[in-house]
Amino acid sequence: MNRVILTLLTLIQCMFFVNVLLNEGVIFFNIYIWGVVALTSLMAGVISFNSSSSNIDDSANNYFALTLITISIVSIGCIIYLAIFKPFYL
């Protein structure tokens, strides 16, 4: 179940990146949702990474968690970039 949640959060993060690239911007409401999803994903990834044990099966879970953490940090950086350099999206 944990792996499914991590995968879905990763796909949601990727969806926001595709939305920015295809639409050449975001609607102001989307950036707030993206921020909430990014912070939630970061928290879920850190909790999942810290709670796993050293089993072989959990190493795949660690990779999912680290991928989600990385994508969440990049998302937060992208949101900060949009807030500083394109404030009309806010």
PDB file of N, CA and C in Angstrom:
ATOM      1  N   MET A   1       0.825  -1.196   0.000  1.00  0.00           N
ATOM      2  CA  MET A   1       0.000   0.000   0.000  1.00  0.00           C
ATOM      3  C   MET A   1       0.867   1.258   0.000  1.00  0.00           C
ATOM      4  N   ASN A   2       1.950   1.193   0.750  1.00  0.00           N
ATOM      5  CA  ASN A   2       2.844   2.338   0.841  1.00  0.00           C
ATOM      6  C   ASN A   2       3.470   2.646  -0.514  1.00  0.00           C
ATOM      7  N   ARG A   3       3.845   1.598  -1.229  1.00  0.00           N
ATOM      8  CA  ARG A   3       4.467   1.779  -2.540  1.00  0.00           C
ATOM      9  C   ARG A   3       3.475   2.379  -3.541  1.00  0.00           C
ATOM     10  N   VAL A   4       2.217   2.019  -3.423  1.00  0.00           N
ATOM     11  CA  VAL A   4       1.188   2.568  -4.311  1.00  0.00           C
ATOM     12  C   VAL A   4       1.013   4.059  -4.058  1.00  0.00           C
ATOM     13  N   ILE A   5       0.978   4.453  -2.800  1.00  0.00           N
ATOM     14  CA  ILE A   5       0.835   5.868  -2.458  1.00  0.00           C
ATOM     15  C   ILE A   5       2.030   6.659  -2.957  1.00  0.00           C
ATOM     16  N   LEU A   6       3.240   6.127  -2.777  1.00  0.00           N
ATOM     17  CA  LEU A   6       4.432   6.821  -3.258  1.00  0.00           C
ATOM     18  C   LEU A   6       4.418   6.959  -4.778  1.00  0.00           C
ATOM     19  N   THR A   7       3.979   5.921  -5.462  1.00  0.00           N
ATOM     20  CA  THR A   7       3.915   5.971  -6.925  1.00  0.00           C
ATOM     21  C   THR A   7       2.884   6.994  -7.396  1.00  0.00           C
ATOM     22  N   LEU A   8       1.730   7.022  -6.756  1.00  0.00           N
ATOM     23  CA  LEU A   8       0.696   7.980  -7.149  1.00  0.00           C
ATOM     24  C   LEU A   8       1.128   9.417  -6.882  1.00  0.00           C
ATOM     25  N   LEU A   9       1.780   9.666  -5.760  1.00  0.00           N
ATOM     26  CA  LEU A   9       2.271  11.012  -5.482  1.00  0.00           C
ATOM     27  C   LEU A   9       3.341  11.426  -6.486  1.00  0.00           C
ATOM     28  N   THR A  10       4.186  10.484  -6.901  1.00  0.00           N
ATOM     29  CA  THR A  10       5.197  10.782  -7.919  1.00  0.00           C
ATOM     30  C   THR A  10       4.529  11.137  -9.244  1.00  0.00           C
ATOM     31  N   LEU A  11       3.500  10.401  -9.622  1.00  0.00           N
ATOM     32  CA  LEU A  11       2.786  10.697 -10.870  1.00  0.00           C
ATOM     33  C   LEU A  11       2.076  12.049 -10.809  1.00  0.00           C
ATOM     34  N   ILE A  12       1.530  12.397  -9.654  1.00  0.00           N
ATOM     35  CA  ILE A  12       0.879  13.698  -9.505  1.00  0.00           C
ATOM     36  C   ILE A  12       1.896  14.817  -9.656  1.00  0.00           C
ATOM     37  N   GLN A  13       3.079  14.647  -9.071  1.00  0.00           N
ATOM     38  CA  GLN A  13       4.134  15.656  -9.207  1.00  0.00           C
ATOM     39  C   GLN A  13       4.533  15.818 -10.671  1.00  0.00           C
ATOM     40  N   CYS A  14       4.689  14.715 -11.376  1.00  0.00           N
ATOM     41  CA  CYS A  14       5.052  14.768 -12.800  1.00  0.00           C
ATOM     42  C   CYS A  14       3.951  15.431 -13.619  1.00  0.00           C
ATOM     43  N   MET A  15       2.693  15.228 -13.227  1.00  0.00           N
ATOM     44  CA  MET A  15       1.580  15.852 -13.927  1.00  0.00           C
ATOM     45  C   MET A  15       1.662  17.374 -13.844  1.00  0.00           C
ATOM     46  N   PHE A  16       2.057  17.909 -12.706  1.00  0.00           N
ATOM     47  CA  PHE A  16       2.184  19.353 -12.576  1.00  0.00           C
ATOM     48  C   PHE A  16       3.309  19.891 -13.456  1.00  0.00           C
ATOM     49  N   PHE A  17       4.428  19.151 -13.556  1.00  0.00           N
ATOM     50  CA  PHE A  17       5.508  19.579 -14.442  1.00  0.00           C
ATOM     51  C   PHE A  17       5.051  19.586 -15.898  1.00  0.00           C
ATOM     52  N   VAL A  18       4.328  18.563 -16.301  1.00  0.00           N
ATOM     53  CA  VAL A  18       3.820  18.499 -17.676  1.00  0.00           C
ATOM     54  C   VAL A  18       2.833  19.635 -17.922  1.00  0.00           C
ATOM     55  N   ASN A  19       2.022  19.957 -16.938  1.00  0.00           N
ATOM     56  CA  ASN A  19       1.067  21.054 -17.059  1.00  0.00           C
ATOM     57  C   ASN A  19       1.788  22.372 -17.294  1.00  0.00           C
ATOM     58  N   VAL A  20       2.874  22.612 -16.587  1.00  0.00           N
ATOM     59  CA  VAL A  20       3.630  23.851 -16.762  1.00  0.00           C
ATOM     60  C   VAL A  20       4.262  23.895 -18.148  1.00  0.00           C
ATOM     61  N   LEU A  21       4.825  22.773 -18.593  1.00  0.00           N
ATOM     62  CA  LEU A  21       5.507  22.749 -19.886  1.00  0.00           C
ATOM     63  C   LEU A  21       4.532  22.865 -21.061  1.00  0.00           C
ATOM     64  N   LEU A  22       3.417  22.174 -21.004  1.00  0.00           N
ATOM     65  CA  LEU A  22       2.479  22.191 -22.124  1.00  0.00           C
ATOM     66  C   LEU A  22       1.671  23.479 -22.203  1.00  0.00           C
ATOM     67  N   ASN A  23       1.276  24.001 -21.075  1.00  0.00           N
ATOM     68  CA  ASN A  23       0.436  25.195 -21.067  1.00  0.00           C
ATOM     69  C   ASN A  23       1.235  26.481 -20.979  1.00  0.00           C
ATOM     70  N   GLU A  24       2.548  26.372 -20.978  1.00  0.00           N
ATOM     71  CA  GLU A  24       3.443  27.524 -20.865  1.00  0.00           C
ATOM     72  C   GLU A  24       3.066  28.389 -19.673  1.00  0.00           C
ATOM     73  N   GLY A  25       2.811  27.778 -18.583  1.00  0.00           N
ATOM     74  CA  GLY A  25       2.450  28.479 -17.369  1.00  0.00           C
ATOM     75  C   GLY A  25       1.407  27.696 -16.601  1.00  0.00           C
ATOM     76  N   VAL A  26       1.026  28.238 -15.503  1.00  0.00           N
ATOM     77  CA  VAL A  26       0.013  27.594 -14.683  1.00  0.00           C
ATOM     78  C   VAL A  26      -1.045  28.616 -14.316  1.00  0.00           C
ATOM     79  N   ILE A  27      -2.221  28.128 -14.089  1.00  0.00           N
ATOM     80  CA  ILE A  27      -3.279  28.976 -13.566  1.00  0.00           C
ATOM     81  C   ILE A  27      -2.956  29.225 -12.095  1.00  0.00           C
ATOM     82  N   PHE A  28      -3.296  30.382 -11.591  1.00  0.00           N
ATOM     83  CA  PHE A  28      -2.880  30.755 -10.242  1.00  0.00           C
ATOM     84  C   PHE A  28      -3.334  29.760  -9.195  1.00  0.00           C
ATOM     85  N   PHE A  29      -4.472  29.120  -9.387  1.00  0.00           N
ATOM     86  CA  PHE A  29      -4.967  28.161  -8.400  1.00  0.00           C
ATOM     87  C   PHE A  29      -4.123  26.892  -8.391  1.00  0.00           C
ATOM     88  N   ASN A  30      -3.613  26.498  -9.559  1.00  0.00           N
ATOM     89  CA  ASN A  30      -2.807  25.283  -9.652  1.00  0.00           C
ATOM     90  C   ASN A  30      -1.510  25.370  -8.868  1.00  0.00           C
ATOM     91  N   ILE A  31      -0.915  26.546  -8.785  1.00  0.00           N
ATOM     92  CA  ILE A  31       0.368  26.657  -8.093  1.00  0.00           C
ATOM     93  C   ILE A  31       0.191  26.425  -6.592  1.00  0.00           C
ATOM     94  N   TYR A  32      -0.940  26.812  -6.042  1.00  0.00           N
ATOM     95  CA  TYR A  32      -1.187  26.566  -4.624  1.00  0.00           C
ATOM     96  C   TYR A  32      -1.430  25.081  -4.364  1.00  0.00           C
ATOM     97  N   ILE A  33      -2.174  24.443  -5.240  1.00  0.00           N
ATOM     98  CA  ILE A  33      -2.385  22.996  -5.107  1.00  0.00           C
ATOM     99  C   ILE A  33      -1.067  22.263  -5.271  1.00  0.00           C
ATOM    100  N   TRP A  34      -0.248  22.702  -6.233  1.00  0.00           N
ATOM    101  CA  TRP A  34       1.052  22.087  -6.467  1.00  0.00           C
ATOM    102  C   TRP A  34       1.930  22.211  -5.224  1.00  0.00           C
ATOM    103  N   GLY A  35       1.887  23.364  -4.558  1.00  0.00           N
ATOM    104  CA  GLY A  35       2.671  23.549  -3.334  1.00  0.00           C
ATOM    105  C   GLY A  35       2.231  22.623  -2.213  1.00  0.00           C
ATOM    106  N   VAL A  36       0.930  22.479  -2.049  1.00  0.00           N
ATOM    107  CA  VAL A  36       0.416  21.584  -1.007  1.00  0.00           C
ATOM    108  C   VAL A  36       0.785  20.137  -1.310  1.00  0.00           C
ATOM    109  N   VAL A  37       0.645  19.735  -2.575  1.00  0.00           N
ATOM    110  CA  VAL A  37       1.002  18.366  -2.961  1.00  0.00           C
ATOM    111  C   VAL A  37       2.502  18.134  -2.796  1.00  0.00           C
ATOM    112  N   ALA A  38       3.323  19.135  -3.130  1.00  0.00           N
ATOM    113  CA  ALA A  38       4.772  18.989  -2.991  1.00  0.00           C
ATOM    114  C   ALA A  38       5.172  18.829  -1.528  1.00  0.00           C
ATOM    115  N   LEU A  39       4.592  19.622  -0.651  1.00  0.00           N
ATOM    116  CA  LEU A  39       4.920  19.501   0.776  1.00  0.00           C
ATOM    117  C   LEU A  39       4.410  18.182   1.353  1.00  0.00           C
ATOM    118  N   THR A  40       3.217  17.773   0.948  1.00  0.00           N
ATOM    119  CA  THR A  40       2.682  16.491   1.403  1.00  0.00           C
ATOM    120  C   THR A  40       3.534  15.332   0.899  1.00  0.00           C
ATOM    121  N   SER A  41       3.960  15.410  -0.356  1.00  0.00           N
ATOM    122  CA  SER A  41       4.796  14.357  -0.932  1.00  0.00           C
ATOM    123  C   SER A  41       6.154  14.292  -0.252  1.00  0.00           C
ATOM    124  N   LEU A  42       6.714  15.448   0.043  1.00  0.00           N
ATOM    125  CA  LEU A  42       8.000  15.478   0.740  1.00  0.00           C
ATOM    126  C   LEU A  42       7.879  14.830   2.114  1.00  0.00           C
ATOM    127  N   MET A  43       6.815  15.161   2.826  1.00  0.00           N
ATOM    128  CA  MET A  43       6.604  14.583   4.146  1.00  0.00           C
ATOM    129  C   MET A  43       6.369  13.073   4.060  1.00  0.00           C
ATOM    130  N   ALA A  44       5.571  12.639   3.096  1.00  0.00           N
ATOM    131  CA  ALA A  44       5.306  11.202   2.936  1.00  0.00           C
ATOM    132  C   ALA A  44       6.566  10.448   2.545  1.00  0.00           C
ATOM    133  N   GLY A  45       7.388  11.038   1.692  1.00  0.00           N
ATOM    134  CA  GLY A  45       8.634  10.395   1.284  1.00  0.00           C
ATOM    135  C   GLY A  45       9.616  10.251   2.427  1.00  0.00           C
ATOM    136  N   VAL A  46       9.751  11.291   3.233  1.00  0.00           N
ATOM    137  CA  VAL A  46      10.673  11.233   4.373  1.00  0.00           C
ATOM    138  C   VAL A  46      10.190  10.218   5.401  1.00  0.00           C
ATOM    139  N   ILE A  47       8.907  10.214   5.690  1.00  0.00           N
ATOM    140  CA  ILE A  47       8.364   9.250   6.655  1.00  0.00           C
ATOM    141  C   ILE A  47       8.542   7.828   6.144  1.00  0.00           C
ATOM    142  N   SER A  48       8.290   7.609   4.862  1.00  0.00           N
ATOM    143  CA  SER A  48       8.439   6.271   4.288  1.00  0.00           C
ATOM    144  C   SER A  48       9.896   5.828   4.281  1.00  0.00           C
ATOM    145  N   PHE A  49      10.799   6.740   3.990  1.00  0.00           N
ATOM    146  CA  PHE A  49      12.217   6.390   3.960  1.00  0.00           C
ATOM    147  C   PHE A  49      12.737   6.063   5.355  1.00  0.00           C
ATOM    148  N   ASN A  50      12.295   6.817   6.348  1.00  0.00           N
ATOM    149  CA  ASN A  50      12.770   6.593   7.715  1.00  0.00           C
ATOM    150  C   ASN A  50      12.133   5.378   8.372  1.00  0.00           C
ATOM    151  N   SER A  51      10.958   4.968   7.930  1.00  0.00           N
ATOM    152  CA  SER A  51      10.263   3.864   8.591  1.00  0.00           C
ATOM    153  C   SER A  51      10.605   2.500   8.011  1.00  0.00           C
ATOM    154  N   SER A  52      11.338   2.447   6.922  1.00  0.00           N
ATOM    155  CA  SER A  52      11.615   1.152   6.289  1.00  0.00           C
ATOM    156  C   SER A  52      12.765   0.445   6.990  1.00  0.00           C
ATOM    157  N   SER A  53      12.749  -0.885   6.912  1.00  0.00           N
ATOM    158  CA  SER A  53      13.817  -1.688   7.505  1.00  0.00           C
ATOM    159  C   SER A  53      14.803  -2.089   6.423  1.00  0.00           C
ATOM    160  N   SER A  54      15.660  -3.052   6.705  1.00  0.00           N
ATOM    161  CA  SER A  54      16.723  -3.404   5.768  1.00  0.00           C
ATOM    162  C   SER A  54      16.395  -4.647   4.943  1.00  0.00           C
ATOM    163  N   ASN A  55      15.140  -4.948   4.731  1.00  0.00           N
ATOM    164  CA  ASN A  55      14.762  -6.092   3.896  1.00  0.00           C
ATOM    165  C   ASN A  55      15.037  -5.797   2.429  1.00  0.00           C
ATOM    166  N   ILE A  56      15.119  -6.848   1.634  1.00  0.00           N
ATOM    167  CA  ILE A  56      15.297  -6.691   0.190  1.00  0.00           C
ATOM    168  C   ILE A  56      14.090  -5.979  -0.405  1.00  0.00           C
ATOM    169  N   ASP A  57      12.894  -6.332   0.070  1.00  0.00           N
ATOM    170  CA  ASP A  57      11.676  -5.720  -0.441  1.00  0.00           C
ATOM    171  C   ASP A  57      11.619  -4.239  -0.097  1.00  0.00           C
ATOM    172  N   ASP A  58      12.177  -3.875   1.046  1.00  0.00           N
ATOM    173  CA  ASP A  58      12.146  -2.484   1.455  1.00  0.00           C
ATOM    174  C   ASP A  58      13.157  -1.628   0.707  1.00  0.00           C
ATOM    175  N   SER A  59      14.137  -2.248   0.056  1.00  0.00           N
ATOM    176  CA  SER A  59      15.075  -1.434  -0.716  1.00  0.00           C
ATOM    177  C   SER A  59      14.361  -0.795  -1.909  1.00  0.00           C
ATOM    178  N   ALA A  60      13.409  -1.510  -2.508  1.00  0.00           N
ATOM    179  CA  ALA A  60      12.604  -0.912  -3.579  1.00  0.00           C
ATOM    180  C   ALA A  60      11.757   0.224  -3.025  1.00  0.00           C
ATOM    181  N   ASN A  61      11.245   0.052  -1.808  1.00  0.00           N
ATOM    182  CA  ASN A  61      10.477   1.109  -1.164  1.00  0.00           C
ATOM    183  C   ASN A  61      11.357   2.331  -0.914  1.00  0.00           C
ATOM    184  N   ASN A  62      12.623   2.098  -0.538  1.00  0.00           N
ATOM    185  CA  ASN A  62      13.545   3.215  -0.336  1.00  0.00           C
ATOM    186  C   ASN A  62      13.782   3.974  -1.634  1.00  0.00           C
ATOM    187  N   TYR A  63      13.887   3.258  -2.750  1.00  0.00           N
ATOM    188  CA  TYR A  63      14.074   3.926  -4.036  1.00  0.00           C
ATOM    189  C   TYR A  63      12.858   4.769  -4.407  1.00  0.00           C
ATOM    190  N   PHE A  64      11.665   4.237  -4.168  1.00  0.00           N
ATOM    191  CA  PHE A  64      10.454   5.020  -4.412  1.00  0.00           C
ATOM    192  C   PHE A  64      10.429   6.266  -3.525  1.00  0.00           C
ATOM    193  N   ALA A  65      10.793   6.099  -2.259  1.00  0.00           N
ATOM    194  CA  ALA A  65      10.778   7.226  -1.329  1.00  0.00           C
ATOM    195  C   ALA A  65      11.809   8.280  -1.728  1.00  0.00           C
ATOM    196  N   LEU A  66      13.006   7.853  -2.102  1.00  0.00           N
ATOM    197  CA  LEU A  66      14.035   8.813  -2.510  1.00  0.00           C
ATOM    198  C   LEU A  66      13.659   9.521  -3.808  1.00  0.00           C
ATOM    199  N   THR A  67      13.028   8.805  -4.719  1.00  0.00           N
ATOM    200  CA  THR A  67      12.560   9.435  -5.956  1.00  0.00           C
ATOM    201  C   THR A  67      11.506  10.489  -5.652  1.00  0.00           C
ATOM    202  N   LEU A  68      10.587  10.161  -4.765  1.00  0.00           N
ATOM    203  CA  LEU A  68       9.540  11.113  -4.396  1.00  0.00           C
ATOM    204  C   LEU A  68      10.127  12.324  -3.678  1.00  0.00           C
ATOM    205  N   ILE A  69      11.092  12.110  -2.805  1.00  0.00           N
ATOM    206  CA  ILE A  69      11.736  13.224  -2.105  1.00  0.00           C
ATOM    207  C   ILE A  69      12.431  14.138  -3.102  1.00  0.00           C
ATOM    208  N   THR A  70      13.139  13.551  -4.060  1.00  0.00           N
ATOM    209  CA  THR A  70      13.852  14.348  -5.059  1.00  0.00           C
ATOM    210  C   THR A  70      12.888  15.159  -5.919  1.00  0.00           C
ATOM    211  N   ILE A  71      11.829  14.517  -6.389  1.00  0.00           N
ATOM    212  CA  ILE A  71      10.850  15.229  -7.219  1.00  0.00           C
ATOM    213  C   ILE A  71      10.149  16.318  -6.408  1.00  0.00           C
ATOM    214  N   SER A  72       9.895  16.078  -5.135  1.00  0.00           N
ATOM    215  CA  SER A  72       9.243  17.083  -4.293  1.00  0.00           C
ATOM    216  C   SER A  72      10.138  18.291  -4.076  1.00  0.00           C
ATOM    217  N   ILE A  73      11.423  18.054  -3.867  1.00  0.00           N
ATOM    218  CA  ILE A  73      12.357  19.171  -3.681  1.00  0.00           C
ATOM    219  C   ILE A  73      12.473  19.982  -4.971  1.00  0.00           C
ATOM    220  N   VAL A  74      12.517  19.301  -6.109  1.00  0.00           N
ATOM    221  CA  VAL A  74      12.555  20.009  -7.394  1.00  0.00           C
ATOM    222  C   VAL A  74      11.261  20.793  -7.607  1.00  0.00           C
ATOM    223  N   SER A  75      10.138  20.236  -7.210  1.00  0.00           N
ATOM    224  CA  SER A  75       8.855  20.937  -7.334  1.00  0.00           C
ATOM    225  C   SER A  75       8.831  22.192  -6.477  1.00  0.00           C
ATOM    226  N   ILE A  76       9.305  22.078  -5.258  1.00  0.00           N
ATOM    227  CA  ILE A  76       9.341  23.250  -4.377  1.00  0.00           C
ATOM    228  C   ILE A  76      10.268  24.312  -4.959  1.00  0.00           C
ATOM    229  N   GLY A  77      11.397  23.880  -5.515  1.00  0.00           N
ATOM    230  CA  GLY A  77      12.302  24.826  -6.173  1.00  0.00           C
ATOM    231  C   GLY A  77      11.650  25.498  -7.368  1.00  0.00           C
ATOM    232  N   CYS A  78      10.886  24.746  -8.137  1.00  0.00           N
ATOM    233  CA  CYS A  78      10.189  25.305  -9.296  1.00  0.00           C
ATOM    234  C   CYS A  78       9.106  26.287  -8.857  1.00  0.00           C
ATOM    235  N   ILE A  79       8.420  25.988  -7.780  1.00  0.00           N
ATOM    236  CA  ILE A  79       7.397  26.902  -7.265  1.00  0.00           C
ATOM    237  C   ILE A  79       8.040  28.195  -6.783  1.00  0.00           C
ATOM    238  N   ILE A  80       9.173  28.086  -6.105  1.00  0.00           N
ATOM    239  CA  ILE A  80       9.889  29.286  -5.656  1.00  0.00           C
ATOM    240  C   ILE A  80      10.369  30.094  -6.856  1.00  0.00           C
ATOM    241  N   TYR A  81      10.859  29.403  -7.889  1.00  0.00           N
ATOM    242  CA  TYR A  81      11.281  30.087  -9.117  1.00  0.00           C
ATOM    243  C   TYR A  81      10.110  30.843  -9.738  1.00  0.00           C
ATOM    244  N   LEU A  82       8.960  30.188  -9.848  1.00  0.00           N
ATOM    245  CA  LEU A  82       7.788  30.852 -10.419  1.00  0.00           C
ATOM    246  C   LEU A  82       7.338  32.033  -9.564  1.00  0.00           C
ATOM    247  N   ALA A  83       7.445  31.893  -8.252  1.00  0.00           N
ATOM    248  CA  ALA A  83       7.015  32.973  -7.361  1.00  0.00           C
ATOM    249  C   ALA A  83       7.938  34.184  -7.463  1.00  0.00           C
ATOM    250  N   ILE A  84       9.235  33.948  -7.701  1.00  0.00           N
ATOM    251  CA  ILE A  84      10.185  35.059  -7.765  1.00  0.00           C
ATOM    252  C   ILE A  84      10.210  35.695  -9.153  1.00  0.00           C
ATOM    253  N   PHE A  85      10.315  34.876 -10.196  1.00  0.00           N
ATOM    254  CA  PHE A  85      10.528  35.415 -11.533  1.00  0.00           C
ATOM    255  C   PHE A  85       9.248  35.609 -12.347  1.00  0.00           C
ATOM    256  N   LYS A  86       8.170  34.956 -11.977  1.00  0.00           N
ATOM    257  CA  LYS A  86       6.897  35.128 -12.678  1.00  0.00           C
ATOM    258  C   LYS A  86       5.778  35.296 -11.650  1.00  0.00           C
ATOM    259  N   PRO A  87       5.811  36.402 -10.902  1.00  0.00           N
ATOM    260  CA  PRO A  87       4.827  36.548  -9.814  1.00  0.00           C
ATOM    261  C   PRO A  87       3.392  36.732 -10.292  1.00  0.00           C
ATOM    262  N   PHE A  88       3.196  36.986 -11.585  1.00  0.00           N
ATOM    263  CA  PHE A  88       1.825  37.147 -12.068  1.00  0.00           C
ATOM    264  C   PHE A  88       1.068  35.830 -12.070  1.00  0.00           C
ATOM    265  N   TYR A  89       1.772  34.683 -11.870  1.00  0.00           N
ATOM    266  CA  TYR A  89       1.082  33.401 -11.732  1.00  0.00           C
ATOM    267  C   TYR A  89       0.454  33.249 -10.351  1.00  0.00           C
ATOM    268  N   LEU A  90       0.906  34.043  -9.403  1.00  0.00           N
ATOM    269  CA  LEU A  90       0.336  33.959  -8.061  1.00  0.00           C
ATOM    270  C   LEU A  90      -0.917  34.780  -8.044  1.00  0.00           C
TER     271      LEU A  90
END
